[in-house]
Structures are given as C-alpha cells and as structure tokens.
mmCIF file of all heavy atoms, coordinates in Angstrom:
data_MODEL
# 
_entry.id   MODEL 
# 
loop_
_atom_site.group_PDB 
_atom_site.id 
_atom_site.type_symbol 
_atom_site.label_atom_id 
_atom_site.label_alt_id 
_atom_site.label_comp_id 
_atom_site.label_asym_id 
_atom_site.label_entity_id 
_atom_site.label_seq_id 
_atom_site.pdbx_PDB_ins_code 
_atom_site.Cartn_x 
_atom_site.Cartn_y 
_atom_site.Cartn_z 
_atom_site.occupancy 
_atom_site.B_iso_or_equiv 
_atom_site.pdbx_formal_charge 
_atom_site.auth_seq_id 
_atom_site.auth_comp_id 
_atom_site.auth_asym_id 
_atom_site.auth_atom_id 
_atom_site.pdbx_PDB_model_num 
ATOM 1   N N   . PRO A 1 1  ? -12.677 12.650 -5.704  1.00 0.00 ? 1  PRO A N   1 
ATOM 2   C CA  . PRO A 1 1  ? -13.215 11.976 -4.521  1.00 0.00 ? 1  PRO A CA  1 
ATOM 3   C C   . PRO A 1 1  ? -12.177 11.200 -3.722  1.00 0.00 ? 1  PRO A C   1 
ATOM 4   O O   . PRO A 1 1  ? -12.286 11.085 -2.499  1.00 0.00 ? 1  PRO A O   1 
ATOM 5   C CB  . PRO A 1 1  ? -14.277 11.040 -5.109  1.00 0.00 ? 1  PRO A CB  1 
ATOM 6   C CG  . PRO A 1 1  ? -14.716 11.718 -6.366  1.00 0.00 ? 1  PRO A CG  1 
ATOM 7   C CD  . PRO A 1 1  ? -13.471 12.354 -6.916  1.00 0.00 ? 1  PRO A CD  1 
ATOM 8   N N   . GLN A 1 2  ? -11.159 10.673 -4.387  1.00 0.00 ? 2  GLN A N   1 
ATOM 9   C CA  . GLN A 1 2  ? -10.165 9.863  -3.689  1.00 0.00 ? 2  GLN A CA  1 
ATOM 10  C C   . GLN A 1 2  ? -9.009  10.675 -3.112  1.00 0.00 ? 2  GLN A C   1 
ATOM 11  O O   . GLN A 1 2  ? -8.072  10.109 -2.543  1.00 0.00 ? 2  GLN A O   1 
ATOM 12  C CB  . GLN A 1 2  ? -9.607  8.781  -4.630  1.00 0.00 ? 2  GLN A CB  1 
ATOM 13  C CG  . GLN A 1 2  ? -8.714  9.305  -5.764  1.00 0.00 ? 2  GLN A CG  1 
ATOM 14  C CD  . GLN A 1 2  ? -9.492  9.725  -6.988  1.00 0.00 ? 2  GLN A CD  1 
ATOM 15  O OE1 . GLN A 1 2  ? -10.706 9.959  -6.922  1.00 0.00 ? 2  GLN A OE1 1 
ATOM 16  N NE2 . GLN A 1 2  ? -8.807  9.806  -8.120  1.00 0.00 ? 2  GLN A NE2 1 
ATOM 17  N N   . TRP A 1 3  ? -9.056  11.980 -3.219  1.00 0.00 ? 3  TRP A N   1 
ATOM 18  C CA  . TRP A 1 3  ? -7.915  12.840 -2.862  1.00 0.00 ? 3  TRP A CA  1 
ATOM 19  C C   . TRP A 1 3  ? -7.459  12.641 -1.421  1.00 0.00 ? 3  TRP A C   1 
ATOM 20  O O   . TRP A 1 3  ? -6.263  12.440 -1.160  1.00 0.00 ? 3  TRP A O   1 
ATOM 21  C CB  . TRP A 1 3  ? -8.300  14.300 -3.103  1.00 0.00 ? 3  TRP A CB  1 
ATOM 22  C CG  . TRP A 1 3  ? -7.211  15.309 -2.910  1.00 0.00 ? 3  TRP A CG  1 
ATOM 23  C CD1 . TRP A 1 3  ? -6.038  15.400 -3.616  1.00 0.00 ? 3  TRP A CD1 1 
ATOM 24  C CD2 . TRP A 1 3  ? -7.198  16.389 -1.975  1.00 0.00 ? 3  TRP A CD2 1 
ATOM 25  N NE1 . TRP A 1 3  ? -5.302  16.478 -3.184  1.00 0.00 ? 3  TRP A NE1 1 
ATOM 26  C CE2 . TRP A 1 3  ? -5.992  17.098 -2.178  1.00 0.00 ? 3  TRP A CE2 1 
ATOM 27  C CE3 . TRP A 1 3  ? -8.095  16.847 -1.013  1.00 0.00 ? 3  TRP A CE3 1 
ATOM 28  C CZ2 . TRP A 1 3  ? -5.649  18.232 -1.424  1.00 0.00 ? 3  TRP A CZ2 1 
ATOM 29  C CZ3 . TRP A 1 3  ? -7.763  17.968 -0.268  1.00 0.00 ? 3  TRP A CZ3 1 
ATOM 30  C CH2 . TRP A 1 3  ? -6.551  18.650 -0.472  1.00 0.00 ? 3  TRP A CH2 1 
ATOM 31  N N   . LEU A 1 4  ? -8.346  12.676 -0.478  1.00 0.00 ? 4  LEU A N   1 
ATOM 32  C CA  . LEU A 1 4  ? -7.966  12.516 0.926   1.00 0.00 ? 4  LEU A CA  1 
ATOM 33  C C   . LEU A 1 4  ? -7.632  11.069 1.249   1.00 0.00 ? 4  LEU A C   1 
ATOM 34  O O   . LEU A 1 4  ? -6.703  10.791 2.022   1.00 0.00 ? 4  LEU A O   1 
ATOM 35  C CB  . LEU A 1 4  ? -9.078  13.027 1.839   1.00 0.00 ? 4  LEU A CB  1 
ATOM 36  C CG  . LEU A 1 4  ? -9.338  14.527 1.780   1.00 0.00 ? 4  LEU A CG  1 
ATOM 37  C CD1 . LEU A 1 4  ? -10.528 14.908 2.661   1.00 0.00 ? 4  LEU A CD1 1 
ATOM 38  C CD2 . LEU A 1 4  ? -8.097  15.314 2.216   1.00 0.00 ? 4  LEU A CD2 1 
ATOM 39  N N   . ARG A 1 5  ? -8.364  10.139 0.667   1.00 0.00 ? 5  ARG A N   1 
ATOM 40  C CA  . ARG A 1 5  ? -8.084  8.725  0.919   1.00 0.00 ? 5  ARG A CA  1 
ATOM 41  C C   . ARG A 1 5  ? -6.679  8.350  0.467   1.00 0.00 ? 5  ARG A C   1 
ATOM 42  O O   . ARG A 1 5  ? -5.954  7.652  1.187   1.00 0.00 ? 5  ARG A O   1 
ATOM 43  C CB  . ARG A 1 5  ? -9.123  7.854  0.209   1.00 0.00 ? 5  ARG A CB  1 
ATOM 44  C CG  . ARG A 1 5  ? -8.829  6.357  0.302   1.00 0.00 ? 5  ARG A CG  1 
ATOM 45  C CD  . ARG A 1 5  ? -9.956  5.529  -0.278  1.00 0.00 ? 5  ARG A CD  1 
ATOM 46  N NE  . ARG A 1 5  ? -10.306 5.914  -1.626  1.00 0.00 ? 5  ARG A NE  1 
ATOM 47  C CZ  . ARG A 1 5  ? -9.633  5.533  -2.713  1.00 0.00 ? 5  ARG A CZ  1 
ATOM 48  N NH1 . ARG A 1 5  ? -8.529  4.795  -2.601  1.00 0.00 ? 5  ARG A NH1 1 
ATOM 49  N NH2 . ARG A 1 5  ? -10.040 5.900  -3.910  1.00 0.00 ? 5  ARG A NH2 1 
ATOM 50  N N   . VAL A 1 6  ? -6.290  8.827  -0.707  1.00 0.00 ? 6  VAL A N   1 
ATOM 51  C CA  . VAL A 1 6  ? -4.939  8.538  -1.213  1.00 0.00 ? 6  VAL A CA  1 
ATOM 52  C C   . VAL A 1 6  ? -3.885  9.135  -0.288  1.00 0.00 ? 6  VAL A C   1 
ATOM 53  O O   . VAL A 1 6  ? -2.856  8.502  -0.005  1.00 0.00 ? 6  VAL A O   1 
ATOM 54  C CB  . VAL A 1 6  ? -4.779  9.076  -2.646  1.00 0.00 ? 6  VAL A CB  1 
ATOM 55  C CG1 . VAL A 1 6  ? -3.322  9.023  -3.083  1.00 0.00 ? 6  VAL A CG1 1 
ATOM 56  C CG2 . VAL A 1 6  ? -5.650  8.278  -3.609  1.00 0.00 ? 6  VAL A CG2 1 
ATOM 57  N N   . GLN A 1 7  ? -4.123  10.348 0.202   1.00 0.00 ? 7  GLN A N   1 
ATOM 58  C CA  . GLN A 1 7  ? -3.147  10.965 1.098   1.00 0.00 ? 7  GLN A CA  1 
ATOM 59  C C   . GLN A 1 7  ? -2.967  10.147 2.372   1.00 0.00 ? 7  GLN A C   1 
ATOM 60  O O   . GLN A 1 7  ? -1.836  9.941  2.841   1.00 0.00 ? 7  GLN A O   1 
ATOM 61  C CB  . GLN A 1 7  ? -3.572  12.387 1.447   1.00 0.00 ? 7  GLN A CB  1 
ATOM 62  C CG  . GLN A 1 7  ? -3.421  13.357 0.299   1.00 0.00 ? 7  GLN A CG  1 
ATOM 63  C CD  . GLN A 1 7  ? -3.540  14.804 0.729   1.00 0.00 ? 7  GLN A CD  1 
ATOM 64  O OE1 . GLN A 1 7  ? -2.846  15.258 1.632   1.00 0.00 ? 7  GLN A OE1 1 
ATOM 65  N NE2 . GLN A 1 7  ? -4.420  15.531 0.088   1.00 0.00 ? 7  GLN A NE2 1 
ATOM 66  N N   . LEU A 1 8  ? -4.058  9.688  2.946   1.00 0.00 ? 8  LEU A N   1 
ATOM 67  C CA  . LEU A 1 8  ? -3.941  8.902  4.168   1.00 0.00 ? 8  LEU A CA  1 
ATOM 68  C C   . LEU A 1 8  ? -3.253  7.563  3.909   1.00 0.00 ? 8  LEU A C   1 
ATOM 69  O O   . LEU A 1 8  ? -2.526  7.054  4.764   1.00 0.00 ? 8  LEU A O   1 
ATOM 70  C CB  . LEU A 1 8  ? -5.322  8.683  4.791   1.00 0.00 ? 8  LEU A CB  1 
ATOM 71  C CG  . LEU A 1 8  ? -5.987  9.919  5.400   1.00 0.00 ? 8  LEU A CG  1 
ATOM 72  C CD1 . LEU A 1 8  ? -7.276  9.530  6.113   1.00 0.00 ? 8  LEU A CD1 1 
ATOM 73  C CD2 . LEU A 1 8  ? -5.047  10.640 6.371   1.00 0.00 ? 8  LEU A CD2 1 
ATOM 74  N N   . GLU A 1 9  ? -3.470  7.001  2.725   1.00 0.00 ? 9  GLU A N   1 
ATOM 75  C CA  . GLU A 1 9  ? -2.766  5.766  2.372   1.00 0.00 ? 9  GLU A CA  1 
ATOM 76  C C   . GLU A 1 9  ? -1.267  6.020  2.254   1.00 0.00 ? 9  GLU A C   1 
ATOM 77  O O   . GLU A 1 9  ? -0.450  5.243  2.750   1.00 0.00 ? 9  GLU A O   1 
ATOM 78  C CB  . GLU A 1 9  ? -3.327  5.203  1.066   1.00 0.00 ? 9  GLU A CB  1 
ATOM 79  C CG  . GLU A 1 9  ? -4.751  4.673  1.187   1.00 0.00 ? 9  GLU A CG  1 
ATOM 80  C CD  . GLU A 1 9  ? -5.359  4.327  -0.162  1.00 0.00 ? 9  GLU A CD  1 
ATOM 81  O OE1 . GLU A 1 9  ? -4.709  4.595  -1.204  1.00 0.00 ? 9  GLU A OE1 1 
ATOM 82  O OE2 . GLU A 1 9  ? -6.493  3.807  -0.181  1.00 0.00 ? 9  GLU A OE2 1 
ATOM 83  N N   . LEU A 1 10 ? -0.895  7.116  1.606   1.00 0.00 ? 10 LEU A N   1 
ATOM 84  C CA  . LEU A 1 10 ? 0.521   7.461  1.468   1.00 0.00 ? 10 LEU A CA  1 
ATOM 85  C C   . LEU A 1 10 ? 1.137   7.847  2.809   1.00 0.00 ? 10 LEU A C   1 
ATOM 86  O O   . LEU A 1 10 ? 2.331   7.638  3.037   1.00 0.00 ? 10 LEU A O   1 
ATOM 87  C CB  . LEU A 1 10 ? 0.676   8.615  0.480   1.00 0.00 ? 10 LEU A CB  1 
ATOM 88  C CG  . LEU A 1 10 ? 0.330   8.306  -0.983  1.00 0.00 ? 10 LEU A CG  1 
ATOM 89  C CD1 . LEU A 1 10 ? 0.275   9.590  -1.796  1.00 0.00 ? 10 LEU A CD1 1 
ATOM 90  C CD2 . LEU A 1 10 ? 1.358   7.352  -1.571  1.00 0.00 ? 10 LEU A CD2 1 
ATOM 91  N N   . ALA A 1 11 ? 0.315   8.403  3.692   1.00 0.00 ? 11 ALA A N   1 
ATOM 92  C CA  . ALA A 1 11 ? 0.812   8.856  4.991   1.00 0.00 ? 11 ALA A CA  1 
ATOM 93  C C   . ALA A 1 11 ? 1.321   7.711  5.844   1.00 0.00 ? 11 ALA A C   1 
ATOM 94  O O   . ALA A 1 11 ? 2.066   7.935  6.808   1.00 0.00 ? 11 ALA A O   1 
ATOM 95  C CB  . ALA A 1 11 ? -0.292  9.601  5.739   1.00 0.00 ? 11 ALA A CB  1 
ATOM 96  N N   . GLY A 1 12 ? 0.955   6.488  5.508   1.00 0.00 ? 12 GLY A N   1 
ATOM 97  C CA  . GLY A 1 12 ? 1.460   5.358  6.267   1.00 0.00 ? 12 GLY A CA  1 
ATOM 98  C C   . GLY A 1 12 ? 2.966   5.195  6.164   1.00 0.00 ? 12 GLY A C   1 
ATOM 99  O O   . GLY A 1 12 ? 3.608   4.679  7.079   1.00 0.00 ? 12 GLY A O   1 
ATOM 100 N N   . GLU A 1 13 ? 3.536   5.683  5.042   1.00 0.00 ? 13 GLU A N   1 
ATOM 101 C CA  . GLU A 1 13 ? 4.982   5.523  4.832   1.00 0.00 ? 13 GLU A CA  1 
ATOM 102 C C   . GLU A 1 13 ? 5.699   6.835  4.570   1.00 0.00 ? 13 GLU A C   1 
ATOM 103 O O   . GLU A 1 13 ? 6.919   6.842  4.380   1.00 0.00 ? 13 GLU A O   1 
ATOM 104 C CB  . GLU A 1 13 ? 5.234   4.565  3.661   1.00 0.00 ? 13 GLU A CB  1 
ATOM 105 C CG  . GLU A 1 13 ? 4.708   3.154  3.889   1.00 0.00 ? 13 GLU A CG  1 
ATOM 106 C CD  . GLU A 1 13 ? 5.001   2.236  2.722   1.00 0.00 ? 13 GLU A CD  1 
ATOM 107 O OE1 . GLU A 1 13 ? 5.568   2.733  1.711   1.00 0.00 ? 13 GLU A OE1 1 
ATOM 108 O OE2 . GLU A 1 13 ? 4.674   1.047  2.810   1.00 0.00 ? 13 GLU A OE2 1 
ATOM 109 N N   . HIS A 1 14 ? 4.973   7.953  4.548   1.00 0.00 ? 14 HIS A N   1 
ATOM 110 C CA  . HIS A 1 14 ? 5.592   9.244  4.225   1.00 0.00 ? 14 HIS A CA  1 
ATOM 111 C C   . HIS A 1 14 ? 5.084   10.325 5.171   1.00 0.00 ? 14 HIS A C   1 
ATOM 112 O O   . HIS A 1 14 ? 3.948   10.280 5.633   1.00 0.00 ? 14 HIS A O   1 
ATOM 113 C CB  . HIS A 1 14 ? 5.290   9.628  2.778   1.00 0.00 ? 14 HIS A CB  1 
ATOM 114 C CG  . HIS A 1 14 ? 5.700   8.588  1.774   1.00 0.00 ? 14 HIS A CG  1 
ATOM 115 N ND1 . HIS A 1 14 ? 4.854   7.571  1.367   1.00 0.00 ? 14 HIS A ND1 1 
ATOM 116 C CD2 . HIS A 1 14 ? 6.862   8.393  1.121   1.00 0.00 ? 14 HIS A CD2 1 
ATOM 117 C CE1 . HIS A 1 14 ? 5.492   6.800  0.498   1.00 0.00 ? 14 HIS A CE1 1 
ATOM 118 N NE2 . HIS A 1 14 ? 6.705   7.284  0.328   1.00 0.00 ? 14 HIS A NE2 1 
ATOM 119 N N   . ASP A 1 15 ? 5.958   11.304 5.420   1.00 0.00 ? 15 ASP A N   1 
ATOM 120 C CA  . ASP A 1 15 ? 5.598   12.423 6.291   1.00 0.00 ? 15 ASP A CA  1 
ATOM 121 C C   . ASP A 1 15 ? 5.037   13.604 5.514   1.00 0.00 ? 15 ASP A C   1 
ATOM 122 O O   . ASP A 1 15 ? 4.345   14.453 6.075   1.00 0.00 ? 15 ASP A O   1 
ATOM 123 C CB  . ASP A 1 15 ? 6.825   12.888 7.085   1.00 0.00 ? 15 ASP A CB  1 
ATOM 124 C CG  . ASP A 1 15 ? 7.396   11.777 7.948   1.00 0.00 ? 15 ASP A CG  1 
ATOM 125 O OD1 . ASP A 1 15 ? 6.610   11.109 8.639   1.00 0.00 ? 15 ASP A OD1 1 
ATOM 126 O OD2 . ASP A 1 15 ? 8.624   11.577 7.923   1.00 0.00 ? 15 ASP A OD2 1 
ATOM 127 N N   . VAL A 1 16 ? 5.352   13.671 4.232   1.00 0.00 ? 16 VAL A N   1 
ATOM 128 C CA  . VAL A 1 16 ? 4.843   14.739 3.378   1.00 0.00 ? 16 VAL A CA  1 
ATOM 129 C C   . VAL A 1 16 ? 4.744   14.196 1.955   1.00 0.00 ? 16 VAL A C   1 
ATOM 130 O O   . VAL A 1 16 ? 5.612   13.452 1.497   1.00 0.00 ? 16 VAL A O   1 
ATOM 131 C CB  . VAL A 1 16 ? 5.745   15.997 3.432   1.00 0.00 ? 16 VAL A CB  1 
ATOM 132 C CG1 . VAL A 1 16 ? 7.169   15.679 3.024   1.00 0.00 ? 16 VAL A CG1 1 
ATOM 133 C CG2 . VAL A 1 16 ? 5.181   17.114 2.564   1.00 0.00 ? 16 VAL A CG2 1 
ATOM 134 N N   . VAL A 1 17 ? 3.651   14.548 1.280   1.00 0.00 ? 17 VAL A N   1 
ATOM 135 C CA  . VAL A 1 17 ? 3.446   14.087 -0.090  1.00 0.00 ? 17 VAL A CA  1 
ATOM 136 C C   . VAL A 1 17 ? 3.042   15.282 -0.958  1.00 0.00 ? 17 VAL A C   1 
ATOM 137 O O   . VAL A 1 17 ? 2.321   16.176 -0.509  1.00 0.00 ? 17 VAL A O   1 
ATOM 138 C CB  . VAL A 1 17 ? 2.371   12.988 -0.176  1.00 0.00 ? 17 VAL A CB  1 
ATOM 139 C CG1 . VAL A 1 17 ? 2.828   11.746 0.566   1.00 0.00 ? 17 VAL A CG1 1 
ATOM 140 C CG2 . VAL A 1 17 ? 1.036   13.463 0.368   1.00 0.00 ? 17 VAL A CG2 1 
ATOM 141 N N   . ALA A 1 18 ? 3.522   15.288 -2.182  1.00 0.00 ? 18 ALA A N   1 
ATOM 142 C CA  . ALA A 1 18 ? 3.201   16.359 -3.128  1.00 0.00 ? 18 ALA A CA  1 
ATOM 143 C C   . ALA A 1 18 ? 2.615   15.748 -4.388  1.00 0.00 ? 18 ALA A C   1 
ATOM 144 O O   . ALA A 1 18 ? 3.177   14.798 -4.949  1.00 0.00 ? 18 ALA A O   1 
ATOM 145 C CB  . ALA A 1 18 ? 4.450   17.176 -3.468  1.00 0.00 ? 18 ALA A CB  1 
ATOM 146 N N   . GLY A 1 19 ? 1.486   16.288 -4.829  1.00 0.00 ? 19 GLY A N   1 
ATOM 147 C CA  . GLY A 1 19 ? 0.845   15.811 -6.039  1.00 0.00 ? 19 GLY A CA  1 
ATOM 148 C C   . GLY A 1 19 ? 1.026   16.782 -7.188  1.00 0.00 ? 19 GLY A C   1 
ATOM 149 O O   . GLY A 1 19 ? 1.814   17.730 -7.122  1.00 0.00 ? 19 GLY A O   1 
ATOM 150 N N   . ILE A 1 20 ? 0.257   16.564 -8.235  1.00 0.00 ? 20 ILE A N   1 
ATOM 151 C CA  . ILE A 1 20 ? 0.359   17.393 -9.424  1.00 0.00 ? 20 ILE A CA  1 
ATOM 152 C C   . ILE A 1 20 ? -0.955  18.135 -9.648  1.00 0.00 ? 20 ILE A C   1 
ATOM 153 O O   . ILE A 1 20 ? -1.948  17.897 -8.960  1.00 0.00 ? 20 ILE A O   1 
ATOM 154 C CB  . ILE A 1 20 ? 0.713   16.567 -10.674 1.00 0.00 ? 20 ILE A CB  1 
ATOM 155 C CG1 . ILE A 1 20 ? -0.358  15.507 -10.941 1.00 0.00 ? 20 ILE A CG1 1 
ATOM 156 C CG2 . ILE A 1 20 ? 2.081   15.932 -10.509 1.00 0.00 ? 20 ILE A CG2 1 
ATOM 157 C CD1 . ILE A 1 20 ? -0.186  14.793 -12.273 1.00 0.00 ? 20 ILE A CD1 1 
ATOM 158 N N   . VAL A 1 21 ? -0.950  19.032 -10.630 1.00 0.00 ? 21 VAL A N   1 
ATOM 159 C CA  . VAL A 1 21 ? -2.160  19.754 -11.011 1.00 0.00 ? 21 VAL A CA  1 
ATOM 160 C C   . VAL A 1 21 ? -2.487  19.472 -12.472 1.00 0.00 ? 21 VAL A C   1 
ATOM 161 O O   . VAL A 1 21 ? -1.595  19.309 -13.303 1.00 0.00 ? 21 VAL A O   1 
ATOM 162 C CB  . VAL A 1 21 ? -2.014  21.279 -10.790 1.00 0.00 ? 21 VAL A CB  1 
ATOM 163 C CG1 . VAL A 1 21 ? -1.848  21.587 -9.313  1.00 0.00 ? 21 VAL A CG1 1 
ATOM 164 C CG2 . VAL A 1 21 ? -0.856  21.850 -11.600 1.00 0.00 ? 21 VAL A CG2 1 
ATOM 165 N N   . ASP A 1 22 ? -3.771  19.397 -12.747 1.00 0.00 ? 22 ASP A N   1 
ATOM 166 C CA  . ASP A 1 22 ? -4.281  19.313 -14.117 1.00 0.00 ? 22 ASP A CA  1 
ATOM 167 C C   . ASP A 1 22 ? -5.076  20.574 -14.394 1.00 0.00 ? 22 ASP A C   1 
ATOM 168 O O   . ASP A 1 22 ? -5.785  21.071 -13.506 1.00 0.00 ? 22 ASP A O   1 
ATOM 169 C CB  . ASP A 1 22 ? -5.206  18.100 -14.290 1.00 0.00 ? 22 ASP A CB  1 
ATOM 170 C CG  . ASP A 1 22 ? -4.494  16.777 -14.112 1.00 0.00 ? 22 ASP A CG  1 
ATOM 171 O OD1 . ASP A 1 22 ? -3.364  16.653 -14.622 1.00 0.00 ? 22 ASP A OD1 1 
ATOM 172 O OD2 . ASP A 1 22 ? -5.068  15.872 -13.473 1.00 0.00 ? 22 ASP A OD2 1 
ATOM 173 N N   . LEU A 1 23 ? -5.003  21.088 -15.611 1.00 0.00 ? 23 LEU A N   1 
ATOM 174 C CA  . LEU A 1 23 ? -5.825  22.238 -15.972 1.00 0.00 ? 23 LEU A CA  1 
ATOM 175 C C   . LEU A 1 23 ? -7.249  21.787 -16.263 1.00 0.00 ? 23 LEU A C   1 
ATOM 176 O O   . LEU A 1 23 ? -7.474  20.691 -16.778 1.00 0.00 ? 23 LEU A O   1 
ATOM 177 C CB  . LEU A 1 23 ? -5.241  22.959 -17.187 1.00 0.00 ? 23 LEU A CB  1 
ATOM 178 C CG  . LEU A 1 23 ? -3.850  23.591 -17.024 1.00 0.00 ? 23 LEU A CG  1 
ATOM 179 C CD1 . LEU A 1 23 ? -3.509  24.418 -18.258 1.00 0.00 ? 23 LEU A CD1 1 
ATOM 180 C CD2 . LEU A 1 23 ? -3.772  24.436 -15.775 1.00 0.00 ? 23 LEU A CD2 1 
ATOM 181 N N   . ASP A 1 24 ? -8.195  22.625 -15.929 1.00 0.00 ? 24 ASP A N   1 
ATOM 182 C CA  . ASP A 1 24 ? -9.603  22.349 -16.159 1.00 0.00 ? 24 ASP A CA  1 
ATOM 183 C C   . ASP A 1 24 ? -9.875  22.350 -17.659 1.00 0.00 ? 24 ASP A C   1 
ATOM 184 O O   . ASP A 1 24 ? -9.839  23.396 -18.309 1.00 0.00 ? 24 ASP A O   1 
ATOM 185 C CB  . ASP A 1 24 ? -10.450 23.421 -15.467 1.00 0.00 ? 24 ASP A CB  1 
ATOM 186 C CG  . ASP A 1 24 ? -11.937 23.144 -15.550 1.00 0.00 ? 24 ASP A CG  1 
ATOM 187 O OD1 . ASP A 1 24 ? -12.329 22.177 -16.245 1.00 0.00 ? 24 ASP A OD1 1 
ATOM 188 O OD2 . ASP A 1 24 ? -12.707 23.890 -14.919 1.00 0.00 ? 24 ASP A OD2 1 
ATOM 189 N N   . GLN A 1 25 ? -10.162 21.183 -18.216 1.00 0.00 ? 25 GLN A N   1 
ATOM 190 C CA  . GLN A 1 25 ? -10.357 21.086 -19.663 1.00 0.00 ? 25 GLN A CA  1 
ATOM 191 C C   . GLN A 1 25 ? -11.621 21.807 -20.122 1.00 0.00 ? 25 GLN A C   1 
ATOM 192 O O   . GLN A 1 25 ? -11.725 22.194 -21.297 1.00 0.00 ? 25 GLN A O   1 
ATOM 193 C CB  . GLN A 1 25 ? -10.423 19.613 -20.087 1.00 0.00 ? 25 GLN A CB  1 
ATOM 194 C CG  . GLN A 1 25 ? -9.118  18.872 -19.888 1.00 0.00 ? 25 GLN A CG  1 
ATOM 195 C CD  . GLN A 1 25 ? -9.107  17.523 -20.572 1.00 0.00 ? 25 GLN A CD  1 
ATOM 196 O OE1 . GLN A 1 25 ? -9.410  17.410 -21.751 1.00 0.00 ? 25 GLN A OE1 1 
ATOM 197 N NE2 . GLN A 1 25 ? -8.757  16.486 -19.821 1.00 0.00 ? 25 GLN A NE2 1 
ATOM 198 N N   . LEU A 1 26 ? -12.581 22.001 -19.217 1.00 0.00 ? 26 LEU A N   1 
ATOM 199 C CA  . LEU A 1 26 ? -13.817 22.665 -19.601 1.00 0.00 ? 26 LEU A CA  1 
ATOM 200 C C   . LEU A 1 26 ? -13.628 24.165 -19.816 1.00 0.00 ? 26 LEU A C   1 
ATOM 201 O O   . LEU A 1 26 ? -14.386 24.799 -20.552 1.00 0.00 ? 26 LEU A O   1 
ATOM 202 C CB  . LEU A 1 26 ? -14.901 22.421 -18.552 1.00 0.00 ? 26 LEU A CB  1 
ATOM 203 C CG  . LEU A 1 26 ? -15.355 20.977 -18.373 1.00 0.00 ? 26 LEU A CG  1 
ATOM 204 C CD1 . LEU A 1 26 ? -16.395 20.888 -17.261 1.00 0.00 ? 26 LEU A CD1 1 
ATOM 205 C CD2 . LEU A 1 26 ? -15.904 20.412 -19.682 1.00 0.00 ? 26 LEU A CD2 1 
ATOM 206 N N   . THR A 1 27 ? -12.622 24.736 -19.166 1.00 0.00 ? 27 THR A N   1 
ATOM 207 C CA  . THR A 1 27 ? -12.425 26.189 -19.259 1.00 0.00 ? 27 THR A CA  1 
ATOM 208 C C   . THR A 1 27 ? -11.060 26.556 -19.849 1.00 0.00 ? 27 THR A C   1 
ATOM 209 O O   . THR A 1 27 ? -10.715 27.736 -19.898 1.00 0.00 ? 27 THR A O   1 
ATOM 210 C CB  . THR A 1 27 ? -12.554 26.831 -17.864 1.00 0.00 ? 27 THR A CB  1 
ATOM 211 O OG1 . THR A 1 27 ? -11.590 26.238 -16.973 1.00 0.00 ? 27 THR A OG1 1 
ATOM 212 C CG2 . THR A 1 27 ? -13.952 26.620 -17.294 1.00 0.00 ? 27 THR A CG2 1 
ATOM 213 N N   . THR A 1 28 ? -10.306 25.565 -20.286 1.00 0.00 ? 28 THR A N   1 
ATOM 214 C CA  . THR A 1 28 ? -8.983  25.809 -20.858 1.00 0.00 ? 28 THR A CA  1 
ATOM 215 C C   . THR A 1 28 ? -9.031  25.588 -22.362 1.00 0.00 ? 28 THR A C   1 
ATOM 216 O O   . THR A 1 28 ? -9.536  24.558 -22.827 1.00 0.00 ? 28 THR A O   1 
ATOM 217 C CB  . THR A 1 28 ? -7.927  24.876 -20.244 1.00 0.00 ? 28 THR A CB  1 
ATOM 218 O OG1 . THR A 1 28 ? -7.929  25.024 -18.824 1.00 0.00 ? 28 THR A OG1 1 
ATOM 219 C CG2 . THR A 1 28 ? -6.543  25.184 -20.785 1.00 0.00 ? 28 THR A CG2 1 
ATOM 220 N N   . SER A 1 29 ? -8.501  26.516 -23.129 1.00 0.00 ? 29 SER A N   1 
ATOM 221 C CA  . SER A 1 29 ? -8.484  26.353 -24.582 1.00 0.00 ? 29 SER A CA  1 
ATOM 222 C C   . SER A 1 29 ? -7.584  25.186 -24.956 1.00 0.00 ? 29 SER A C   1 
ATOM 223 O O   . SER A 1 29 ? -6.584  24.907 -24.272 1.00 0.00 ? 29 SER A O   1 
ATOM 224 C CB  . SER A 1 29 ? -7.971  27.629 -25.254 1.00 0.00 ? 29 SER A CB  1 
ATOM 225 O OG  . SER A 1 29 ? -6.596  27.822 -24.969 1.00 0.00 ? 29 SER A OG  1 
ATOM 226 N N   . PRO A 1 30 ? -7.912  24.458 -26.034 1.00 0.00 ? 30 PRO A N   1 
ATOM 227 C CA  . PRO A 1 30 ? -7.066  23.340 -26.464 1.00 0.00 ? 30 PRO A CA  1 
ATOM 228 C C   . PRO A 1 30 ? -5.596  23.725 -26.657 1.00 0.00 ? 30 PRO A C   1 
ATOM 229 O O   . PRO A 1 30 ? -4.696  22.976 -26.235 1.00 0.00 ? 30 PRO A O   1 
ATOM 230 C CB  . PRO A 1 30 ? -7.725  22.877 -27.768 1.00 0.00 ? 30 PRO A CB  1 
ATOM 231 C CG  . PRO A 1 30 ? -9.166  23.230 -27.580 1.00 0.00 ? 30 PRO A CG  1 
ATOM 232 C CD  . PRO A 1 30 ? -9.148  24.545 -26.834 1.00 0.00 ? 30 PRO A CD  1 
# 
C-alpha cells in the first residue's frame, strides 16, 4: 500500500529510485 507514497517522498530529493524484490512466500518453496 505504501509503494507509491514512498516513491513520492523519495522523489523530493531524487530523480530516480530503485527498490528491491521479495519472493512470494505463499507460492515459493522454503
């Protein structure tokens, strides 16, 4: 839910931001 809000907050001081990915624990084997 906070994905776009965080980007706009970071956009105040940055022109481009890169995040990370998490694997879906519900469909990924341990």
